[in-house]
Amino acid sequence: ADAIGAAAIVAYTASGTTAYRAARKRPRVPILSLSPTAHIARRLALLWGAHSVVSPDITTYDEMVDHAKAHALEEGFAKEGERIVIIAGIPFGRQGTTNNIRVARL
């Protein structure tokens, strides 16, 4: 995120592990963690540099990118024309599978 000048990191997480891994590195940009589970989202609100949001569960890669862009704009983490880094595990909803990184321009 730092190397490409991204405005934020968006972490999709079912268990919280993806967001924990990102926060552990203390990035210079904020982390927007998206989780379909309210109690996980509340726990993630305590992470360093993170803002947590309950988001509907996703099922496709395109849906992931679209939701990440929409939430980054809606929550004020990025503006039109800026880049965000999206991290997630595929297949979606399965714990311990953080294996995907995507850079997207809003």
N, C-alpha and C. Protein backbone atom coordinates (compact mmCIF):
# COMPACT_ATOMS: atom_id res chain seq x y z
N ALA A 1 0.83 -1.19 0.00
CA ALA A 1 0.00 0.00 0.00
C ALA A 1 0.87 1.26 0.00
N ASP A 2 1.92 1.21 0.78
CA ASP A 2 2.81 2.36 0.88
C ASP A 2 3.54 2.59 -0.45
N ALA A 3 4.01 1.53 -1.07
CA ALA A 3 4.80 1.63 -2.30
C ALA A 3 4.00 2.20 -3.47
N ILE A 4 2.69 1.93 -3.52
CA ILE A 4 1.88 2.41 -4.64
C ILE A 4 1.08 3.66 -4.30
N GLY A 5 1.20 4.15 -3.08
CA GLY A 5 0.47 5.35 -2.67
C GLY A 5 -1.02 5.13 -2.50
N ALA A 6 -1.38 3.95 -2.03
CA ALA A 6 -2.80 3.64 -1.82
C ALA A 6 -3.37 4.47 -0.67
N ALA A 7 -4.66 4.76 -0.76
CA ALA A 7 -5.33 5.53 0.28
C ALA A 7 -5.69 4.68 1.48
N ALA A 8 -5.94 3.39 1.28
CA ALA A 8 -6.36 2.51 2.37
C ALA A 8 -6.17 1.05 1.99
N ILE A 9 -6.23 0.21 3.02
CA ILE A 9 -6.26 -1.24 2.84
C ILE A 9 -7.64 -1.70 3.25
N VAL A 10 -8.30 -2.46 2.39
CA VAL A 10 -9.61 -3.03 2.72
C VAL A 10 -9.40 -4.52 2.93
N ALA A 11 -9.74 -4.99 4.13
CA ALA A 11 -9.53 -6.40 4.48
C ALA A 11 -10.88 -7.08 4.68
N TYR A 12 -11.18 -8.04 3.81
CA TYR A 12 -12.37 -8.89 4.00
C TYR A 12 -11.98 -10.01 4.94
N THR A 13 -12.79 -10.22 5.97
CA THR A 13 -12.44 -11.24 6.94
C THR A 13 -13.67 -11.85 7.60
N ALA A 14 -13.68 -13.16 7.67
CA ALA A 14 -14.77 -13.86 8.35
C ALA A 14 -14.42 -14.09 9.82
N SER A 15 -13.15 -14.37 10.09
CA SER A 15 -12.73 -14.67 11.45
C SER A 15 -11.97 -13.53 12.12
N GLY A 16 -11.48 -12.58 11.31
CA GLY A 16 -10.69 -11.47 11.84
C GLY A 16 -9.21 -11.60 11.54
N THR A 17 -8.77 -12.77 11.14
CA THR A 17 -7.35 -13.04 10.94
C THR A 17 -6.74 -12.16 9.84
N THR A 18 -7.43 -11.96 8.75
CA THR A 18 -6.88 -11.14 7.66
C THR A 18 -6.59 -9.72 8.14
N ALA A 19 -7.52 -9.13 8.87
CA ALA A 19 -7.32 -7.78 9.39
C ALA A 19 -6.21 -7.76 10.45
N TYR A 20 -6.15 -8.78 11.31
CA TYR A 20 -5.09 -8.86 12.31
C TYR A 20 -3.71 -8.88 11.65
N ARG A 21 -3.59 -9.66 10.59
CA ARG A 21 -2.30 -9.76 9.89
C ARG A 21 -1.89 -8.41 9.29
N ALA A 22 -2.83 -7.69 8.74
CA ALA A 22 -2.52 -6.38 8.16
C ALA A 22 -2.13 -5.39 9.26
N ALA A 23 -2.86 -5.37 10.36
CA ALA A 23 -2.60 -4.42 11.45
C ALA A 23 -1.26 -4.70 12.12
N ARG A 24 -0.86 -5.94 12.15
CA ARG A 24 0.41 -6.32 12.78
C ARG A 24 1.60 -5.63 12.10
N LYS A 25 1.47 -5.32 10.81
CA LYS A 25 2.56 -4.67 10.06
C LYS A 25 2.58 -3.16 10.25
N ARG A 26 1.59 -2.61 10.95
CA ARG A 26 1.49 -1.17 11.22
C ARG A 26 1.63 -0.33 9.94
N PRO A 27 0.75 -0.54 8.97
CA PRO A 27 0.85 0.23 7.72
C PRO A 27 0.60 1.72 7.96
N ARG A 28 1.10 2.52 7.06
CA ARG A 28 0.94 3.98 7.16
C ARG A 28 -0.44 4.44 6.73
N VAL A 29 -1.19 3.56 6.09
CA VAL A 29 -2.55 3.89 5.64
C VAL A 29 -3.56 3.17 6.53
N PRO A 30 -4.77 3.70 6.63
CA PRO A 30 -5.78 3.04 7.47
C PRO A 30 -6.24 1.71 6.89
N ILE A 31 -6.74 0.86 7.78
CA ILE A 31 -7.28 -0.45 7.40
C ILE A 31 -8.79 -0.39 7.59
N LEU A 32 -9.52 -0.72 6.55
CA LEU A 32 -10.98 -0.83 6.63
C LEU A 32 -11.28 -2.32 6.62
N SER A 33 -11.72 -2.86 7.76
CA SER A 33 -12.02 -4.29 7.82
C SER A 33 -13.51 -4.50 7.63
N LEU A 34 -13.85 -5.42 6.74
CA LEU A 34 -15.24 -5.74 6.43
C LEU A 34 -15.51 -7.18 6.83
N SER A 35 -16.52 -7.35 7.66
CA SER A 35 -16.87 -8.70 8.13
C SER A 35 -18.38 -8.87 8.10
N PRO A 36 -18.87 -10.05 7.73
CA PRO A 36 -20.31 -10.29 7.72
C PRO A 36 -20.87 -10.55 9.12
N THR A 37 -20.00 -10.71 10.11
CA THR A 37 -20.43 -11.04 11.46
C THR A 37 -20.23 -9.86 12.40
N ALA A 38 -21.29 -9.45 13.09
CA ALA A 38 -21.24 -8.26 13.95
C ALA A 38 -20.24 -8.41 15.10
N HIS A 39 -20.19 -9.56 15.75
CA HIS A 39 -19.28 -9.67 16.90
C HIS A 39 -17.81 -9.67 16.45
N ILE A 40 -17.52 -10.16 15.27
CA ILE A 40 -16.15 -10.08 14.73
C ILE A 40 -15.83 -8.62 14.40
N ALA A 41 -16.77 -7.92 13.77
CA ALA A 41 -16.56 -6.51 13.44
C ALA A 41 -16.31 -5.67 14.69
N ARG A 42 -17.04 -5.96 15.76
CA ARG A 42 -16.83 -5.22 17.02
C ARG A 42 -15.44 -5.49 17.58
N ARG A 43 -14.99 -6.73 17.52
CA ARG A 43 -13.64 -7.06 18.00
C ARG A 43 -12.57 -6.36 17.17
N LEU A 44 -12.78 -6.29 15.87
CA LEU A 44 -11.80 -5.68 14.97
C LEU A 44 -11.71 -4.17 15.15
N ALA A 45 -12.72 -3.57 15.75
CA ALA A 45 -12.69 -2.13 16.00
C ALA A 45 -11.56 -1.76 16.97
N LEU A 46 -11.03 -2.74 17.69
CA LEU A 46 -9.95 -2.48 18.65
C LEU A 46 -8.56 -2.60 18.03
N LEU A 47 -8.48 -3.01 16.77
CA LEU A 47 -7.18 -3.17 16.10
C LEU A 47 -6.51 -1.82 15.85
N TRP A 48 -5.18 -1.85 15.86
CA TRP A 48 -4.40 -0.66 15.58
C TRP A 48 -4.66 -0.20 14.14
N GLY A 49 -5.02 1.06 13.96
CA GLY A 49 -5.18 1.63 12.63
C GLY A 49 -6.36 1.11 11.84
N ALA A 50 -7.30 0.43 12.50
CA ALA A 50 -8.40 -0.20 11.77
C ALA A 50 -9.75 0.44 12.09
N HIS A 51 -10.60 0.42 11.10
CA HIS A 51 -12.00 0.81 11.23
C HIS A 51 -12.80 -0.37 10.73
N SER A 52 -13.77 -0.78 11.50
CA SER A 52 -14.48 -2.01 11.18
C SER A 52 -15.94 -1.73 10.80
N VAL A 53 -16.42 -2.47 9.80
CA VAL A 53 -17.78 -2.32 9.29
C VAL A 53 -18.39 -3.70 9.07
N VAL A 54 -19.66 -3.83 9.44
CA VAL A 54 -20.39 -5.06 9.11
C VAL A 54 -20.84 -4.93 7.66
N SER A 55 -20.49 -5.91 6.86
CA SER A 55 -20.81 -5.88 5.44
C SER A 55 -21.48 -7.19 5.05
N PRO A 56 -22.39 -7.15 4.10
CA PRO A 56 -23.01 -8.41 3.66
C PRO A 56 -21.95 -9.39 3.15
N ASP A 57 -22.22 -10.66 3.30
CA ASP A 57 -21.30 -11.69 2.83
C ASP A 57 -21.18 -11.60 1.31
N ILE A 58 -20.00 -11.87 0.79
CA ILE A 58 -19.76 -11.82 -0.66
C ILE A 58 -19.56 -13.23 -1.19
N THR A 59 -19.85 -13.40 -2.48
CA THR A 59 -19.71 -14.72 -3.08
C THR A 59 -18.85 -14.74 -4.33
N THR A 60 -18.61 -13.57 -4.94
CA THR A 60 -17.81 -13.53 -6.16
C THR A 60 -16.67 -12.51 -6.04
N TYR A 61 -15.67 -12.68 -6.87
CA TYR A 61 -14.52 -11.78 -6.87
C TYR A 61 -14.94 -10.35 -7.26
N ASP A 62 -15.77 -10.23 -8.29
CA ASP A 62 -16.24 -8.90 -8.72
C ASP A 62 -17.04 -8.21 -7.64
N GLU A 63 -17.85 -8.97 -6.93
CA GLU A 63 -18.64 -8.43 -5.83
C GLU A 63 -17.71 -7.92 -4.72
N MET A 64 -16.63 -8.63 -4.46
CA MET A 64 -15.65 -8.21 -3.46
C MET A 64 -15.06 -6.84 -3.82
N VAL A 65 -14.63 -6.71 -5.06
CA VAL A 65 -14.02 -5.45 -5.51
C VAL A 65 -15.05 -4.31 -5.45
N ASP A 66 -16.25 -4.55 -5.93
CA ASP A 66 -17.29 -3.52 -5.92
C ASP A 66 -17.64 -3.07 -4.51
N HIS A 67 -17.79 -4.02 -3.59
CA HIS A 67 -18.11 -3.67 -2.20
C HIS A 67 -16.96 -2.92 -1.54
N ALA A 68 -15.73 -3.34 -1.80
CA ALA A 68 -14.57 -2.67 -1.22
C ALA A 68 -14.51 -1.21 -1.68
N LYS A 69 -14.71 -0.98 -2.96
CA LYS A 69 -14.71 0.39 -3.48
C LYS A 69 -15.83 1.22 -2.86
N ALA A 70 -17.02 0.65 -2.80
CA ALA A 70 -18.18 1.37 -2.26
C ALA A 70 -17.97 1.72 -0.79
N HIS A 71 -17.48 0.76 0.00
CA HIS A 71 -17.27 1.03 1.43
C HIS A 71 -16.14 2.03 1.64
N ALA A 72 -15.08 1.96 0.85
CA ALA A 72 -13.98 2.92 0.98
C ALA A 72 -14.46 4.34 0.71
N LEU A 73 -15.30 4.50 -0.31
CA LEU A 73 -15.87 5.82 -0.60
C LEU A 73 -16.84 6.26 0.49
N GLU A 74 -17.76 5.37 0.84
CA GLU A 74 -18.81 5.68 1.82
C GLU A 74 -18.24 6.03 3.20
N GLU A 75 -17.21 5.33 3.61
CA GLU A 75 -16.62 5.54 4.94
C GLU A 75 -15.57 6.66 4.93
N GLY A 76 -15.29 7.23 3.76
CA GLY A 76 -14.36 8.35 3.67
C GLY A 76 -12.89 7.97 3.69
N PHE A 77 -12.56 6.74 3.33
CA PHE A 77 -11.18 6.31 3.33
C PHE A 77 -10.47 6.61 2.02
N ALA A 78 -11.22 6.80 0.95
CA ALA A 78 -10.62 7.09 -0.35
C ALA A 78 -11.58 7.94 -1.16
N LYS A 79 -11.01 8.64 -2.14
CA LYS A 79 -11.80 9.48 -3.05
C LYS A 79 -11.67 8.94 -4.47
N GLU A 80 -12.54 9.41 -5.34
CA GLU A 80 -12.48 9.01 -6.75
C GLU A 80 -11.07 9.23 -7.29
N GLY A 81 -10.58 8.25 -8.03
CA GLY A 81 -9.25 8.35 -8.64
C GLY A 81 -8.13 7.79 -7.78
N GLU A 82 -8.38 7.58 -6.48
CA GLU A 82 -7.35 7.02 -5.61
C GLU A 82 -7.36 5.49 -5.68
N ARG A 83 -6.27 4.90 -5.22
CA ARG A 83 -6.16 3.44 -5.21
C ARG A 83 -6.35 2.89 -3.80
N ILE A 84 -6.88 1.67 -3.75
CA ILE A 84 -6.98 0.94 -2.50
C ILE A 84 -6.39 -0.46 -2.71
N VAL A 85 -5.93 -1.06 -1.63
CA VAL A 85 -5.44 -2.43 -1.67
C VAL A 85 -6.51 -3.28 -0.99
N ILE A 86 -6.94 -4.34 -1.66
CA ILE A 86 -7.96 -5.23 -1.12
C ILE A 86 -7.30 -6.57 -0.82
N ILE A 87 -7.46 -7.05 0.43
CA ILE A 87 -6.92 -8.36 0.80
C ILE A 87 -8.07 -9.25 1.27
N ALA A 88 -8.00 -10.51 0.90
CA ALA A 88 -9.06 -11.45 1.25
C ALA A 88 -8.57 -12.88 1.09
N GLY A 89 -9.38 -13.79 1.55
CA GLY A 89 -9.11 -15.21 1.36
C GLY A 89 -10.12 -15.81 0.41
N ILE A 90 -9.62 -16.60 -0.52
CA ILE A 90 -10.51 -17.26 -1.47
C ILE A 90 -10.28 -18.76 -1.32
N PRO A 91 -11.30 -19.56 -1.12
CA PRO A 91 -12.72 -19.26 -1.23
C PRO A 91 -13.21 -18.39 -0.07
N PHE A 92 -14.19 -17.55 -0.36
CA PHE A 92 -14.73 -16.62 0.61
C PHE A 92 -15.40 -17.35 1.76
N GLY A 93 -15.30 -16.76 2.96
CA GLY A 93 -15.97 -17.29 4.13
C GLY A 93 -15.26 -18.44 4.82
N ARG A 94 -14.14 -18.87 4.28
CA ARG A 94 -13.39 -19.97 4.90
C ARG A 94 -12.23 -19.38 5.69
N GLN A 95 -12.14 -19.72 6.96
CA GLN A 95 -11.12 -19.16 7.83
C GLN A 95 -9.73 -19.64 7.46
N GLY A 96 -8.75 -18.73 7.65
CA GLY A 96 -7.35 -19.10 7.46
C GLY A 96 -6.91 -19.22 6.02
N THR A 97 -7.59 -18.54 5.09
CA THR A 97 -7.22 -18.67 3.68
C THR A 97 -6.80 -17.35 3.05
N THR A 98 -6.23 -16.44 3.81
CA THR A 98 -5.81 -15.16 3.24
C THR A 98 -4.75 -15.42 2.17
N ASN A 99 -5.15 -15.26 0.91
CA ASN A 99 -4.26 -15.62 -0.18
C ASN A 99 -4.42 -14.72 -1.40
N ASN A 100 -5.08 -13.58 -1.24
CA ASN A 100 -5.38 -12.75 -2.39
C ASN A 100 -5.15 -11.28 -2.08
N ILE A 101 -4.52 -10.61 -3.02
CA ILE A 101 -4.32 -9.16 -2.91
C ILE A 101 -4.69 -8.54 -4.24
N ARG A 102 -5.39 -7.43 -4.20
CA ARG A 102 -5.85 -6.76 -5.42
C ARG A 102 -5.70 -5.26 -5.23
N VAL A 103 -5.20 -4.58 -6.20
CA VAL A 103 -5.15 -3.11 -6.20
C VAL A 103 -6.27 -2.64 -7.11
N ALA A 104 -7.09 -1.72 -6.60
CA ALA A 104 -8.21 -1.20 -7.38
C ALA A 104 -8.21 0.32 -7.33
N ARG A 105 -8.59 0.92 -8.44
CA ARG A 105 -8.70 2.39 -8.51
C ARG A 105 -10.18 2.74 -8.44
N LEU A 106 -10.48 3.73 -7.62
CA LEU A 106 -11.88 4.16 -7.46
C LEU A 106 -12.28 5.11 -8.57
